[in-house]
C-alpha atoms as a PDB file:
ATOM      1  CA  MET A   1       0.000   0.000   0.000  1.00  0.00           C
ATOM      2  CA  ARG A   2       2.805   2.384   0.936  1.00  0.00           C
ATOM      3  CA  SER A   3       4.640   1.789  -2.341  1.00  0.00           C
ATOM      4  CA  ARG A   4       1.387   2.391  -4.252  1.00  0.00           C
ATOM      5  CA  LEU A   5       0.843   5.709  -2.455  1.00  0.00           C
ATOM      6  CA  MET A   6       4.417   6.702  -3.205  1.00  0.00           C
ATOM      7  CA  LEU A   7       3.860   5.842  -6.880  1.00  0.00           C
ATOM      8  CA  ILE A   8       0.700   7.970  -7.008  1.00  0.00           C
ATOM      9  CA  ALA A   9       2.450  10.834  -5.243  1.00  0.00           C
ATOM     10  CA  GLY A  10       5.363  10.613  -7.643  1.00  0.00           C
ATOM     11  CA  ALA A  11       3.026  10.698 -10.648  1.00  0.00           C
ATOM     12  CA  ALA A  12       1.186  13.711  -9.225  1.00  0.00           C
ATOM     13  CA  ALA A  13       4.469  15.519  -8.607  1.00  0.00           C
ATOM     14  CA  LEU A  14       5.516  14.823 -12.210  1.00  0.00           C
ATOM     15  CA  LEU A  15       2.239  16.265 -13.528  1.00  0.00           C
ATOM     16  CA  VAL A  16       2.669  19.356 -11.390  1.00  0.00           C
ATOM     17  CA  ALA A  17       6.233  19.783 -12.614  1.00  0.00           C
ATOM     18  CA  LEU A  18       5.116  19.487 -16.232  1.00  0.00           C
ATOM     19  CA  ALA A  19       2.326  22.025 -15.675  1.00  0.00           C
ATOM     20  CA  VAL A  20       4.657  24.471 -13.962  1.00  0.00           C
ATOM     21  CA  GLY A  21       7.246  23.977 -16.687  1.00  0.00           C
ATOM     22  CA  GLY A  22       4.666  24.656 -19.387  1.00  0.00           C
ATOM     23  CA  ALA A  23       3.473  27.770 -17.589  1.00  0.00           C
ATOM     24  CA  TYR A  24       7.059  28.956 -17.275  1.00  0.00           C
ATOM     25  CA  VAL A  25       7.684  28.512 -21.016  1.00  0.00           C
ATOM     26  CA  TYR A  26       4.502  30.417 -21.840  1.00  0.00           C
ATOM     27  CA  PHE A  27       4.640  33.247 -19.365  1.00  0.00           C
ATOM     28  CA  PHE A  28       8.323  33.755 -18.672  1.00  0.00           C
ATOM     29  CA  SER A  29      10.221  32.746 -21.814  1.00  0.00           C
ATOM     30  CA  GLY A  30      11.235  35.174 -24.524  1.00  0.00           C
ATOM     31  CA  LEU A  31      10.115  32.798 -27.266  1.00  0.00           C
ATOM     32  CA  ARG A  32       7.290  35.004 -28.507  1.00  0.00           C
ATOM     33  CA  THR A  33       6.872  36.447 -32.001  1.00  0.00           C
ATOM     34  CA  SER A  34       4.277  38.585 -33.775  1.00  0.00           C
ATOM     35  CA  PRO A  35       3.897  39.300 -37.507  1.00  0.00           C
ATOM     36  CA  THR A  36       4.610  42.801 -38.747  1.00  0.00           C
ATOM     37  CA  GLN A  37       1.725  45.223 -39.173  1.00  0.00           C
ATOM     38  CA  LEU A  38      -0.274  44.933 -42.373  1.00  0.00           C
ATOM     39  CA  GLY A  39       0.867  47.227 -45.164  1.00  0.00           C
ATOM     40  CA  LEU A  40       1.013  47.504 -48.923  1.00  0.00           C
ATOM     41  CA  SER A  41       2.402  44.456 -50.672  1.00  0.00           C
ATOM     42  CA  SER A  42       5.193  44.579 -53.240  1.00  0.00           C
ATOM     43  CA  PRO A  43       3.672  44.514 -56.729  1.00  0.00           C
ATOM     44  CA  SER A  44       5.104  42.017 -59.191  1.00  0.00           C
ATOM     45  CA  PRO A  45       7.375  43.466 -61.922  1.00  0.00           C
ATOM     46  CA  ALA A  46       4.557  42.962 -64.443  1.00  0.00           C
ATOM     47  CA  ALA A  47       2.086  44.824 -62.219  1.00  0.00           C
ATOM     48  CA  SER A  48       4.564  47.655 -61.672  1.00  0.00           C
ATOM     49  CA  ALA A  49       5.084  48.030 -65.387  1.00  0.00           C
ATOM     50  CA  ALA A  50       1.344  48.067 -65.990  1.00  0.00           C
ATOM     51  CA  SER A  51       0.601  50.788 -63.430  1.00  0.00           C
ATOM     52  CA  THR A  52       3.102  53.509 -62.590  1.00  0.00           C
ATOM     53  CA  SER A  53       0.622  55.515 -60.493  1.00  0.00           C
ATOM     54  CA  PRO A  54      -2.098  54.737 -57.944  1.00  0.00           C
ATOM     55  CA  VAL A  55      -4.459  57.049 -59.829  1.00  0.00           C
ATOM     56  CA  SER A  56      -5.246  56.821 -63.522  1.00  0.00           C
ATOM     57  CA  ALA A  57      -7.953  57.690 -65.996  1.00  0.00           C
ATOM     58  CA  GLY A  58      -9.525  54.287 -65.405  1.00  0.00           C
ATOM     59  CA  MET A  59     -10.057  54.744 -61.677  1.00  0.00           C
ATOM     60  CA  ALA A  60     -13.607  56.118 -61.894  1.00  0.00           C
ATOM     61  CA  GLY A  61     -16.228  53.428 -61.362  1.00  0.00           C
ATOM     62  CA  THR A  62     -17.465  50.876 -58.833  1.00  0.00           C
ATOM     63  CA  TRP A  63     -14.947  48.791 -56.898  1.00  0.00           C
ATOM     64  CA  LYS A  64     -15.604  45.650 -54.863  1.00  0.00           C
ATOM     65  CA  VAL A  65     -13.483  43.951 -52.208  1.00  0.00           C
ATOM     66  CA  THR A  66     -11.830  40.833 -53.572  1.00  0.00           C
ATOM     67  CA  SER A  67      -9.623  37.928 -52.464  1.00  0.00           C
ATOM     68  CA  GLY A  68      -6.380  38.599 -50.613  1.00  0.00           C
ATOM     69  CA  SER A  69      -7.959  41.135 -48.264  1.00  0.00           C
ATOM     70  CA  LEU A  70      -7.178  40.946 -44.556  1.00  0.00           C
ATOM     71  CA  VAL A  71      -8.540  42.722 -41.473  1.00  0.00           C
ATOM     72  CA  GLY A  72      -7.278  42.145 -37.963  1.00  0.00           C
ATOM     73  CA  TYR A  73      -6.251  43.497 -34.601  1.00  0.00           C
ATOM     74  CA  ARG A  74      -3.130  43.705 -32.491  1.00  0.00           C
ATOM     75  CA  VAL A  75      -3.167  44.300 -28.749  1.00  0.00           C
ATOM     76  CA  LYS A  76      -0.510  44.295 -26.048  1.00  0.00           C
ATOM     77  CA  GLU A  77      -0.419  41.581 -23.367  1.00  0.00           C
ATOM     78  CA  LEU A  78       1.772  41.668 -20.265  1.00  0.00           C
ATOM     79  CA  PHE A  79       2.591  38.312 -18.710  1.00  0.00           C
ATOM     80  CA  VAL A  80       3.099  38.055 -14.957  1.00  0.00           C
ATOM     81  CA  GLY A  81       6.759  38.493 -14.072  1.00  0.00           C
ATOM     82  CA  GLN A  82       7.635  40.172 -17.382  1.00  0.00           C
ATOM     83  CA  THR A  83       8.459  43.800 -18.180  1.00  0.00           C
ATOM     84  CA  ALA A  84       8.220  43.568 -21.989  1.00  0.00           C
ATOM     85  CA  LYS A  85       4.741  43.234 -23.458  1.00  0.00           C
ATOM     86  CA  HIS A  86       3.790  40.658 -26.067  1.00  0.00           C
ATOM     87  CA  GLU A  87       1.727  41.692 -29.098  1.00  0.00           C
ATOM     88  CA  ALA A  88      -1.251  39.435 -29.735  1.00  0.00           C
ATOM     89  CA  VAL A  89      -2.330  39.477 -33.389  1.00  0.00           C
ATOM     90  CA  ALA A  90      -5.379  37.970 -35.079  1.00  0.00           C
ATOM     91  CA  ARG A  91      -6.707  38.304 -38.621  1.00  0.00           C
ATOM     92  CA  THR A  92      -9.645  37.352 -40.810  1.00  0.00           C
ATOM     93  CA  SER A  93      -9.646  36.980 -44.598  1.00  0.00           C
ATOM     94  CA  VAL A  94     -13.447  36.979 -44.830  1.00  0.00           C
ATOM     95  CA  VAL A  95     -13.915  40.584 -45.911  1.00  0.00           C
ATOM     96  CA  SER A  96     -16.556  42.188 -48.141  1.00  0.00           C
ATOM     97  CA  GLY A  97     -17.663  45.636 -49.304  1.00  0.00           C
ATOM     98  CA  GLY A  98     -16.719  48.230 -51.856  1.00  0.00           C
ATOM     99  CA  MET A  99     -16.947  51.868 -52.938  1.00  0.00           C
ATOM    100  CA  LYS A 100     -17.659  54.179 -55.842  1.00  0.00           C
ATOM    101  CA  VAL A 101     -14.988  56.438 -57.347  1.00  0.00           C
ATOM    102  CA  THR A 102     -15.564  59.599 -59.368  1.00  0.00           C
ATOM    103  CA  GLY A 103     -13.182  62.186 -60.813  1.00  0.00           C
ATOM    104  CA  ASP A 104     -10.063  62.040 -62.935  1.00  0.00           C
ATOM    105  CA  ALA A 105      -6.274  62.077 -62.723  1.00  0.00           C
ATOM    106  CA  THR A 106      -6.147  65.828 -63.317  1.00  0.00           C
ATOM    107  CA  THR A 107      -8.525  67.142 -60.661  1.00  0.00           C
ATOM    108  CA  GLY A 108      -8.379  64.215 -58.255  1.00  0.00           C
ATOM    109  CA  PHE A 109     -10.823  61.522 -57.189  1.00  0.00           C
ATOM    110  CA  THR A 110     -13.567  61.122 -54.620  1.00  0.00           C
ATOM    111  CA  ALA A 111     -14.504  57.776 -53.117  1.00  0.00           C
ATOM    112  CA  THR A 112     -18.112  57.546 -51.878  1.00  0.00           C
ATOM    113  CA  ASP A 113     -20.294  54.871 -50.302  1.00  0.00           C
ATOM    114  CA  VAL A 114     -17.191  53.296 -48.776  1.00  0.00           C
ATOM    115  CA  SER A 115     -18.070  50.185 -46.776  1.00  0.00           C
ATOM    116  CA  ILE A 116     -15.733  47.414 -45.592  1.00  0.00           C
ATOM    117  CA  THR A 117     -17.087  44.557 -43.457  1.00  0.00           C
ATOM    118  CA  ALA A 118     -14.986  41.921 -41.709  1.00  0.00           C
ATOM    119  CA  ASP A 119     -16.347  38.615 -40.398  1.00  0.00           C
ATOM    120  CA  LEU A 120     -15.072  38.551 -36.801  1.00  0.00           C
ATOM    121  CA  THR A 121     -16.104  34.925 -36.310  1.00  0.00           C
ATOM    122  CA  GLN A 122     -13.236  34.017 -38.646  1.00  0.00           C
ATOM    123  CA  LEU A 123     -10.564  35.848 -36.639  1.00  0.00           C
ATOM    124  CA  HIS A 124      -7.585  33.580 -35.995  1.00  0.00           C
ATOM    125  CA  SER A 125      -4.513  34.361 -33.886  1.00  0.00           C
ATOM    126  CA  VAL A 126      -1.343  34.506 -35.986  1.00  0.00           C
ATOM    127  CA  ASP A 127       1.281  35.360 -33.357  1.00  0.00           C
ATOM    128  CA  SER A 128       3.187  32.644 -31.532  1.00  0.00           C
ATOM    129  CA  VAL A 129       4.224  31.858 -27.972  1.00  0.00           C
ATOM    130  CA  ALA A 130       6.473  28.891 -27.259  1.00  0.00           C
ATOM    131  CA  GLY A 131       4.634  26.030 -25.592  1.00  0.00           C
ATOM    132  CA  ARG A 132       1.215  27.621 -25.981  1.00  0.00           C
ATOM    133  CA  ASP A 133      -1.689  27.230 -28.395  1.00  0.00           C
ATOM    134  CA  VAL A 134      -2.509  30.906 -28.930  1.00  0.00           C
ATOM    135  CA  THR A 135      -5.690  30.017 -30.806  1.00  0.00           C
ATOM    136  CA  GLN A 136      -7.246  29.416 -27.384  1.00  0.00           C
ATOM    137  CA  ARG A 137      -7.260  33.197 -27.120  1.00  0.00           C
ATOM    138  CA  ASP A 138      -9.759  33.343 -29.990  1.00  0.00           C
ATOM    139  CA  GLY A 139     -12.480  31.825 -27.836  1.00  0.00           C
ATOM    140  CA  VAL A 140     -11.914  34.463 -25.160  1.00  0.00           C
ATOM    141  CA  VAL A 141     -12.091  37.240 -27.755  1.00  0.00           C
ATOM    142  CA  SER A 142     -15.268  35.742 -29.203  1.00  0.00           C
ATOM    143  CA  ARG A 143     -16.961  35.878 -25.801  1.00  0.00           C
ATOM    144  CA  GLN A 144     -15.745  39.407 -25.042  1.00  0.00           C
ATOM    145  CA  LEU A 145     -17.082  40.690 -28.364  1.00  0.00           C
ATOM    146  CA  ASP A 146     -20.281  38.637 -28.056  1.00  0.00           C
ATOM    147  CA  MET A 147     -19.818  37.449 -31.632  1.00  0.00           C
ATOM    148  CA  SER A 148     -23.006  35.402 -31.531  1.00  0.00           C
ATOM    149  CA  SER A 149     -24.857  38.727 -31.439  1.00  0.00           C
ATOM    150  CA  PHE A 150     -22.301  40.920 -33.247  1.00  0.00           C
ATOM    151  CA  PRO A 151     -20.448  38.735 -35.771  1.00  0.00           C
ATOM    152  CA  THR A 152     -19.073  41.536 -37.941  1.00  0.00           C
ATOM    153  CA  ALA A 153     -17.220  44.846 -37.790  1.00  0.00           C
ATOM    154  CA  THR A 154     -17.783  47.514 -40.439  1.00  0.00           C
ATOM    155  CA  PHE A 155     -15.938  50.643 -41.529  1.00  0.00           C
ATOM    156  CA  THR A 156     -17.994  53.177 -43.496  1.00  0.00           C
ATOM    157  CA  ALA A 157     -17.212  56.560 -45.004  1.00  0.00           C
ATOM    158  CA  ALA A 158     -19.541  58.863 -46.877  1.00  0.00           C
ATOM    159  CA  SER A 159     -16.770  60.542 -48.860  1.00  0.00           C
ATOM    160  CA  VAL A 160     -12.974  60.356 -49.095  1.00  0.00           C
ATOM    161  CA  SER A 161     -10.934  62.735 -51.230  1.00  0.00           C
ATOM    162  CA  VAL A 162      -7.929  61.399 -53.140  1.00  0.00           C
ATOM    163  CA  PRO A 163      -5.574  64.077 -54.542  1.00  0.00           C
ATOM    164  CA  ALA A 164      -4.451  63.957 -58.139  1.00  0.00           C
ATOM    165  CA  THR A 165      -0.936  62.573 -58.429  1.00  0.00           C
ATOM    166  CA  GLY A 166       0.758  60.866 -61.291  1.00  0.00           C
ATOM    167  CA  THR A 167       4.325  60.741 -60.064  1.00  0.00           C
ATOM    168  CA  SER A 168       4.294  58.231 -57.231  1.00  0.00           C
ATOM    169  CA  ALA A 169       3.494  54.528 -57.068  1.00  0.00           C
ATOM    170  CA  LYS A 170       1.913  55.020 -53.654  1.00  0.00           C
ATOM    171  CA  ILE A 171      -0.189  57.705 -52.036  1.00  0.00           C
ATOM    172  CA  SER A 172      -0.884  58.435 -48.382  1.00  0.00           C
ATOM    173  CA  LEU A 173      -4.481  58.919 -47.263  1.00  0.00           C
ATOM    174  CA  GLN A 174      -6.468  59.968 -44.232  1.00  0.00           C
ATOM    175  CA  LEU A 175      -9.753  58.047 -44.181  1.00  0.00           C
ATOM    176  CA  PRO A 176     -12.354  59.756 -41.947  1.00  0.00           C
ATOM    177  CA  GLY A 177     -15.327  57.528 -41.260  1.00  0.00           C
ATOM    178  CA  SER A 178     -16.992  55.329 -38.650  1.00  0.00           C
ATOM    179  CA  ILE A 179     -16.366  51.870 -37.245  1.00  0.00           C
ATOM    180  CA  ASN A 180     -19.168  49.704 -35.906  1.00  0.00           C
ATOM    181  CA  VAL A 181     -18.042  47.012 -33.464  1.00  0.00           C
ATOM    182  CA  HIS A 182     -20.077  45.219 -30.805  1.00  0.00           C
ATOM    183  CA  GLY A 183     -23.149  47.177 -31.882  1.00  0.00           C
ATOM    184  CA  VAL A 184     -21.463  50.530 -31.181  1.00  0.00           C
ATOM    185  CA  THR A 185     -20.504  53.056 -33.865  1.00  0.00           C
ATOM    186  CA  LYS A 186     -17.643  55.510 -33.334  1.00  0.00           C
ATOM    187  CA  ALA A 187     -16.056  58.133 -35.576  1.00  0.00           C
ATOM    188  CA  VAL A 188     -12.439  57.344 -36.507  1.00  0.00           C
ATOM    189  CA  THR A 189      -9.778  58.452 -38.955  1.00  0.00           C
ATOM    190  CA  ALA A 190      -7.626  55.705 -40.408  1.00  0.00           C
ATOM    191  CA  ALA A 191      -4.135  56.368 -41.740  1.00  0.00           C
ATOM    192  CA  ALA A 192      -3.583  54.457 -44.969  1.00  0.00           C
ATOM    193  CA  GLN A 193      -1.625  54.081 -48.172  1.00  0.00           C
ATOM    194  CA  ALA A 194      -2.969  53.087 -51.592  1.00  0.00           C
ATOM    195  CA  GLN A 195      -1.555  51.774 -54.825  1.00  0.00           C
ATOM    196  CA  LEU A 196      -2.602  50.047 -58.005  1.00  0.00           C
ATOM    197  CA  ASN A 197      -1.386  46.453 -57.922  1.00  0.00           C
ATOM    198  CA  GLY A 198      -1.963  45.063 -61.388  1.00  0.00           C
ATOM    199  CA  ASP A 199      -5.700  45.239 -62.028  1.00  0.00           C
ATOM    200  CA  LYS A 200      -6.433  45.646 -58.305  1.00  0.00           C
ATOM    201  CA  LEU A 201      -6.537  48.676 -56.050  1.00  0.00           C
ATOM    202  CA  GLU A 202      -4.829  47.996 -52.715  1.00  0.00           C
ATOM    203  CA  VAL A 203      -5.458  50.090 -49.595  1.00  0.00           C
ATOM    204  CA  ALA A 204      -3.630  49.272 -46.354  1.00  0.00           C
ATOM    205  CA  GLY A 205      -3.467  51.017 -43.014  1.00  0.00           C
ATOM    206  CA  SER A 206      -4.643  51.091 -39.432  1.00  0.00           C
ATOM    207  CA  VAL A 207      -6.596  52.930 -36.783  1.00  0.00           C
ATOM    208  CA  THR A 208      -6.085  52.865 -33.003  1.00  0.00           C
ATOM    209  CA  ALA A 209      -9.121  52.605 -30.745  1.00  0.00           C
ATOM    210  CA  ASP A 210     -10.017  51.848 -27.156  1.00  0.00           C
ATOM    211  CA  MET A 211     -12.059  48.732 -26.414  1.00  0.00           C
ATOM    212  CA  SER A 212     -14.059  50.536 -23.762  1.00  0.00           C
ATOM    213  CA  ASP A 213     -15.366  52.992 -26.374  1.00  0.00           C
ATOM    214  CA  PHE A 214     -17.222  50.078 -27.925  1.00  0.00           C
ATOM    215  CA  GLY A 215     -18.516  48.649 -24.659  1.00  0.00           C
ATOM    216  CA  VAL A 216     -15.875  45.911 -24.611  1.00  0.00           C
ATOM    217  CA  SER A 217     -13.742  45.114 -21.574  1.00  0.00           C
ATOM    218  CA  PRO A 218     -10.174  43.817 -22.022  1.00  0.00           C
ATOM    219  CA  PRO A 219     -10.185  39.990 -21.839  1.00  0.00           C
ATOM    220  CA  GLN A 220      -9.650  38.591 -18.374  1.00  0.00           C
ATOM    221  CA  VAL A 221      -6.975  35.899 -18.608  1.00  0.00           C
ATOM    222  CA  PRO A 222      -5.050  34.333 -15.672  1.00  0.00           C
ATOM    223  CA  PHE A 223      -1.453  35.564 -15.432  1.00  0.00           C
ATOM    224  CA  VAL A 224      -1.978  38.052 -18.294  1.00  0.00           C
ATOM    225  CA  THR A 225      -2.991  41.726 -18.321  1.00  0.00           C
ATOM    226  CA  VAL A 226      -4.435  42.931 -21.639  1.00  0.00           C
ATOM    227  CA  ASP A 227      -4.258  46.585 -22.730  1.00  0.00           C
ATOM    228  CA  SER A 228      -7.499  48.399 -23.503  1.00  0.00           C
ATOM    229  CA  SER A 229      -5.939  50.082 -26.553  1.00  0.00           C
ATOM    230  CA  VAL A 230      -6.192  48.063 -29.759  1.00  0.00           C
ATOM    231  CA  VAL A 231      -4.852  48.624 -33.270  1.00  0.00           C
ATOM    232  CA  ILE A 232      -7.261  47.670 -36.044  1.00  0.00           C
ATOM    233  CA  GLU A 233      -5.271  46.976 -39.205  1.00  0.00           C
ATOM    234  CA  PHE A 234      -6.297  46.227 -42.766  1.00  0.00           C
ATOM    235  CA  ASP A 235      -4.954  45.356 -46.200  1.00  0.00           C
ATOM    236  CA  ILE A 236      -7.832  45.597 -48.694  1.00  0.00           C
ATOM    237  CA  PHE A 237      -7.774  44.583 -52.361  1.00  0.00           C
ATOM    238  CA  LEU A 238     -10.514  45.825 -54.667  1.00  0.00           C
ATOM    239  CA  THR A 239     -11.356  45.098 -58.294  1.00  0.00           C
ATOM    240  CA  LYS A 240     -13.282  47.375 -60.618  1.00  0.00           C
ATOM    241  CA  VAL A 241     -16.646  45.892 -61.618  1.00  0.00           C
ATOM    242  CA  VAL A 242     -18.221  48.817 -63.548  1.00  0.00           C
END
């Protein structure tokens, strides 16, 4: 009986040691990486030769979001016992929407009826932490955002002015509009860049917001403190349909 109890105690001690070791790797190791923030991609040589400017005579028309688009978030986490924060990053490729463009390369363009919607239920963590399945975070985020009731996030803008420029492959933009998340709509201004990438228009950028402004509390996770500030990032590809 005594030897059996000692065997059970030894097994329990081993399990505890493994659990503590796993927690140490997750919370106290430096083996954590996060992808860089979304930005404009590098056009292929053929695409660069086909379009030397992000604005051209063919820009006017209706544009729709197409494949390759990404929307996501990045937020800082501080593990217990650490001084350097880790950046949690998640993205979804299920994105829809579009806009209308009027004007010309001489006077400039105006984008109207801008609407970009991201399916939040398809958000997946893309950072990494040694010894930890970071996708478990996605369930916590889903509950905090109440995705069963609010499955999408949408950026809308009534009108965005694009200056005429024919000398640069990229242009910088300020995109004033509104974001609706968790059933709450707030005015924001996103900083972005745009370029023609072959037959697609690519717009990439970000906006910083506070979770509390949308009625969302930072996730409560043992041993981790999550910042309330969140960066919403995007890399949108659009094709002209009319």
